[in-house]
Amino acid sequence: MPPLGNDIVDLADSENIGKSRDERFCRRVFNPRELSSITGSERPDSILWALWAAKEAAYKALSRYDPSVCSIPKKYPVIIEAEAGAGAFAFREGVSDQTLQGKVITPQGELFLDIRININEAMLHVIADESAEALTRIVVRVERLAVSGDDPSEFVRKILLDEIAKRLCCSLGDLAVGKEGQGPGAPFLFFRGSRLPAEISLSHDGRFVAFALDPATL
C-alpha cells in the first residue's frame, strides 16, 4: 500500500511563533544544512515549520504500517527543490500563497517520499507520498475551526467522512474512523465495522485541521 501522510501548522499559534530562536530545539531536530536554511531566511519560523511538517508527514506515512519505524526528526532529512533563479527555501516576495516541492529521505534505506508544501501567512500544510505523480491525485482539505472550543480531532474526522460518503454514495452512519487495537497508532477507515484499504491521513494544529485522502484506494 502506498504511504500517505500529512501535517499542518498554525503559524499564528503562540506556541509556534519565534520557535526558530529556540536553539536547543533546533539542534535536536534539524541537521546542519536545514539549520543554515532556517537561520539564513527572512522568514525563519516559516522555514522551520515547513521542515518540521515535512518530517512529520513522512513519519506518519511510514509508521502507518510499521509502528516500529524510527521517529527521530533528524533521521528524516528534507530537500526542498529550488525555483528557477532562487535558492532553496526561497519565498517569492509579495506572494502570500505559495507551493514548494521536495523530498524526504527516510530511515528505510533508499526510500524517498515526495512532498508538497502549501504555505501562506496563516498556516502551512504538507503532504507526503511515494511519488510526485501520486501527490497529484491526493484529495486534500484544510479547514479552520469555526469555534475555538471545537474538538479538532472530531471535526477533521467529520469532514473526512463527509467526503468519503459522497464518493462511495453511502450513509455517514456506515463509516467510521478509528484505530485497530489499543494504544497509539494511525487511524483507518471502517465500513460497517470492517476496515477498508483507504489511504487517509489526519492532522490538526491550533486553528486548523486537514486531511489527505488517496481516492484510488477507496
Protein backbone atom coordinates (compact mmCIF):
# COMPACT_ATOMS: atom_id res chain seq x y z
CA MET A 1 0.00 0.00 0.00
CA PRO A 2 1.48 3.42 -0.92
CA PRO A 3 2.34 5.52 2.13
CA LEU A 4 0.41 8.76 2.71
CA GLY A 5 0.99 11.35 5.42
CA ASN A 6 0.09 14.96 6.08
CA ASP A 7 0.81 17.61 8.69
CA ILE A 8 -0.48 21.13 9.30
CA VAL A 9 0.97 24.02 11.33
CA ASP A 10 -0.85 27.14 12.54
CA LEU A 11 1.83 29.79 12.04
CA ALA A 12 -0.03 32.28 14.25
CA ASP A 13 -0.32 29.95 17.24
CA SER A 14 1.52 31.43 20.21
CA GLU A 15 3.49 28.22 20.75
CA ASN A 16 4.78 28.30 17.16
CA ILE A 17 5.84 31.95 16.94
CA GLY A 18 9.54 32.52 17.47
CA LYS A 19 10.44 28.82 17.63
CA SER A 20 13.42 29.49 15.36
CA ARG A 21 15.09 31.22 18.33
CA ASP A 22 14.93 28.02 20.39
CA GLU A 23 18.47 26.83 19.73
CA ARG A 24 18.15 23.66 21.78
CA PHE A 25 15.06 22.57 19.86
CA CYS A 26 16.62 23.42 16.50
CA ARG A 27 19.82 21.50 17.16
CA ARG A 28 17.83 18.47 18.28
CA VAL A 29 15.51 18.42 15.26
CA PHE A 30 17.44 19.73 12.25
CA ASN A 31 20.69 18.84 10.51
CA PRO A 32 23.35 21.50 9.71
CA ARG A 33 22.03 22.12 6.18
CA GLU A 34 18.49 22.61 7.45
CA LEU A 35 19.71 24.87 10.28
CA SER A 36 21.51 27.01 7.74
CA SER A 37 18.32 27.37 5.72
CA ILE A 38 16.42 28.47 8.82
CA THR A 39 18.94 30.99 10.10
CA GLY A 40 19.58 32.42 6.63
CA SER A 41 15.92 33.07 5.85
CA GLU A 42 13.92 36.27 6.24
CA ARG A 43 11.08 34.02 7.43
CA PRO A 44 12.91 31.59 9.72
CA ASP A 45 9.78 30.39 11.56
CA SER A 46 8.07 29.50 8.28
CA ILE A 47 11.10 27.55 7.09
CA LEU A 48 11.41 25.79 10.44
CA TRP A 49 7.79 24.65 10.44
CA ALA A 50 7.89 23.67 6.77
CA LEU A 51 10.82 21.36 7.52
CA TRP A 52 9.19 20.06 10.69
CA ALA A 53 5.86 19.35 8.97
CA ALA A 54 7.64 17.55 6.12
CA LYS A 55 9.41 15.29 8.60
CA GLU A 56 6.15 14.66 10.47
CA ALA A 57 4.21 13.87 7.29
CA ALA A 58 6.89 11.39 6.20
CA TYR A 59 6.97 9.72 9.62
CA LYS A 60 3.17 9.43 9.68
CA ALA A 61 3.25 7.81 6.24
CA LEU A 62 5.82 5.19 7.24
CA SER A 63 4.53 4.48 10.74
CA ARG A 64 1.05 3.75 9.43
CA TYR A 65 2.12 0.21 8.56
CA ASP A 66 5.31 -0.04 10.60
CA PRO A 67 4.80 1.40 14.11
CA SER A 68 8.39 0.48 14.99
CA VAL A 69 9.88 2.86 12.41
CA CYS A 70 12.31 5.46 13.78
CA SER A 71 10.61 8.70 14.87
CA ILE A 72 13.74 10.85 15.37
CA PRO A 73 13.28 14.02 13.22
CA LYS A 74 16.95 14.21 12.23
CA LYS A 75 16.58 10.80 10.58
CA TYR A 76 14.25 12.43 8.01
CA PRO A 77 16.37 14.95 6.06
CA VAL A 78 14.26 17.29 3.92
CA ILE A 79 15.30 18.50 0.49
CA ILE A 80 13.27 21.36 -0.96
CA GLU A 81 13.55 21.99 -4.69
CA ALA A 82 14.72 25.49 -5.56
CA GLU A 83 12.75 27.58 -8.01
CA ALA A 84 14.50 28.86 -11.11
CA GLY A 85 16.70 31.77 -10.17
CA ALA A 86 16.12 31.32 -6.44
CA GLY A 87 17.86 29.49 -3.68
CA ALA A 88 16.30 26.54 -1.92
CA PHE A 89 13.64 27.53 0.62
CA ALA A 90 13.20 30.93 -1.06
CA PHE A 91 9.81 32.66 -0.82
CA ARG A 92 8.54 34.90 -3.58
CA GLU A 93 8.27 38.44 -2.25
CA GLY A 94 4.74 39.79 -2.05
CA VAL A 95 3.11 36.40 -2.72
CA SER A 96 1.15 35.02 0.23
CA ASP A 97 0.06 31.62 -1.11
CA GLN A 98 2.94 29.50 -2.36
CA THR A 99 3.66 25.86 -3.15
CA LEU A 100 7.03 24.17 -2.71
CA GLN A 101 8.06 20.68 -3.82
CA GLY A 102 10.67 18.40 -2.38
CA LYS A 103 11.64 15.05 -0.93
CA VAL A 104 12.19 13.48 2.46
CA ILE A 105 14.93 10.89 2.88
CA THR A 106 13.60 8.26 5.26
CA PRO A 107 15.38 5.91 7.69
CA GLN A 108 14.33 2.97 5.50
CA GLY A 109 17.34 2.78 3.24
CA GLU A 110 16.74 4.08 -0.26
CA LEU A 111 13.09 5.04 0.35
CA PHE A 112 12.40 8.66 -0.54
CA LEU A 113 8.98 10.28 -0.16
CA ASP A 114 7.88 13.19 -2.31
CA ILE A 115 6.33 16.17 -0.53
CA ARG A 116 4.25 19.19 -1.44
CA ILE A 117 4.21 22.20 0.89
CA ASN A 118 1.42 24.76 0.67
CA ILE A 119 2.09 27.86 2.73
CA ASN A 120 0.51 31.25 3.38
CA GLU A 121 0.69 33.87 6.11
CA ALA A 122 -1.64 31.92 8.44
CA MET A 123 -0.63 28.28 8.09
CA LEU A 124 1.32 25.68 6.16
CA HIS A 125 0.32 22.19 5.11
CA VAL A 126 2.45 19.29 3.87
CA ILE A 127 1.50 16.03 2.20
CA ALA A 128 3.91 13.14 1.61
CA ASP A 129 3.52 10.17 -0.72
CA GLU A 130 5.57 7.68 -2.72
CA SER A 131 5.99 9.90 -5.79
CA ALA A 132 5.29 13.32 -7.23
CA GLU A 133 2.78 11.66 -9.56
CA ALA A 134 0.91 10.16 -6.59
CA LEU A 135 0.68 13.60 -4.97
CA THR A 136 -1.30 14.91 -7.93
CA ARG A 137 -4.22 12.58 -7.22
CA ILE A 138 -4.40 13.16 -3.46
CA VAL A 139 -7.55 14.91 -2.23
CA VAL A 140 -6.70 17.49 0.42
CA ARG A 141 -8.97 19.63 2.54
CA VAL A 142 -7.85 22.27 5.01
CA GLU A 143 -10.40 23.90 7.30
CA ARG A 144 -10.31 26.49 10.04
CA LEU A 145 -12.20 25.71 13.24
CA ALA A 146 -15.36 27.81 13.42
CA VAL A 147 -15.30 27.89 17.24
CA SER A 148 -12.10 27.81 19.27
CA GLY A 149 -13.61 25.29 21.69
CA ASP A 150 -14.43 22.73 18.98
CA ASP A 151 -12.71 19.36 19.20
CA PRO A 152 -10.27 19.37 16.24
CA SER A 153 -9.99 15.56 16.15
CA GLU A 154 -13.74 15.16 15.93
CA PHE A 155 -14.09 17.95 13.37
CA VAL A 156 -11.44 16.62 10.99
CA ARG A 157 -12.93 13.13 11.13
CA LYS A 158 -16.34 14.56 10.26
CA ILE A 159 -15.17 16.43 7.17
CA LEU A 160 -13.20 13.39 6.02
CA LEU A 161 -16.20 11.08 6.39
CA ASP A 162 -18.42 13.61 4.59
CA GLU A 163 -16.00 13.46 1.63
CA ILE A 164 -15.81 9.66 1.62
CA ALA A 165 -19.58 9.18 1.99
CA LYS A 166 -20.14 11.30 -1.14
CA ARG A 167 -17.56 9.31 -3.09
CA LEU A 168 -18.92 5.92 -2.01
CA CYS A 169 -22.57 7.02 -2.21
CA CYS A 170 -23.24 5.65 1.27
CA SER A 171 -24.61 6.88 4.56
CA LEU A 172 -22.38 8.62 7.08
CA GLY A 173 -23.60 6.08 9.59
CA ASP A 174 -21.91 3.32 7.61
CA LEU A 175 -18.48 4.90 8.06
CA ALA A 176 -16.11 5.41 10.95
CA VAL A 177 -12.50 6.43 11.50
CA GLY A 178 -10.65 4.60 14.24
CA LYS A 179 -7.63 2.58 15.25
CA GLU A 180 -7.05 -1.13 15.36
CA GLY A 181 -6.23 -2.41 18.83
CA GLN A 182 -5.36 -0.37 21.89
CA GLY A 183 -2.89 2.45 22.36
CA PRO A 184 -1.35 4.84 19.84
CA GLY A 185 -1.49 4.20 16.14
CA ALA A 186 -2.60 5.57 12.81
CA PRO A 187 -6.33 5.90 12.08
CA PHE A 188 -8.02 3.69 9.50
CA LEU A 189 -11.34 3.84 7.67
CA PHE A 190 -14.08 1.35 8.57
CA PHE A 191 -17.28 0.49 6.69
CA ARG A 192 -19.93 -1.16 8.87
CA GLY A 193 -17.20 -2.34 11.21
CA SER A 194 -14.88 -3.74 8.54
CA ARG A 195 -11.63 -1.98 7.74
CA LEU A 196 -11.27 -0.58 4.22
CA PRO A 197 -7.92 -0.22 2.45
CA ALA A 198 -8.38 3.54 2.02
CA GLU A 199 -5.23 5.61 2.49
CA ILE A 200 -6.08 8.53 4.80
CA SER A 201 -4.12 10.94 6.98
CA LEU A 202 -5.43 13.43 9.54
CA SER A 203 -3.77 16.39 11.25
CA HIS A 204 -4.62 19.45 13.31
CA ASP A 205 -2.78 22.31 14.96
CA GLY A 206 -4.10 25.49 16.54
CA ARG A 207 -6.99 26.87 14.49
CA PHE A 208 -6.61 24.45 11.57
CA VAL A 209 -7.39 20.86 10.66
CA ALA A 210 -6.55 18.94 7.50
CA PHE A 211 -6.99 15.57 5.88
CA ALA A 212 -5.39 13.84 2.92
CA LEU A 213 -7.14 11.05 1.03
CA ASP A 214 -5.99 8.87 -1.84
CA PRO A 215 -9.22 8.27 -3.79
CA ALA A 216 -7.58 5.48 -5.79
CA THR A 217 -7.55 3.36 -2.62
CA LEU A 218 -11.26 3.66 -1.82
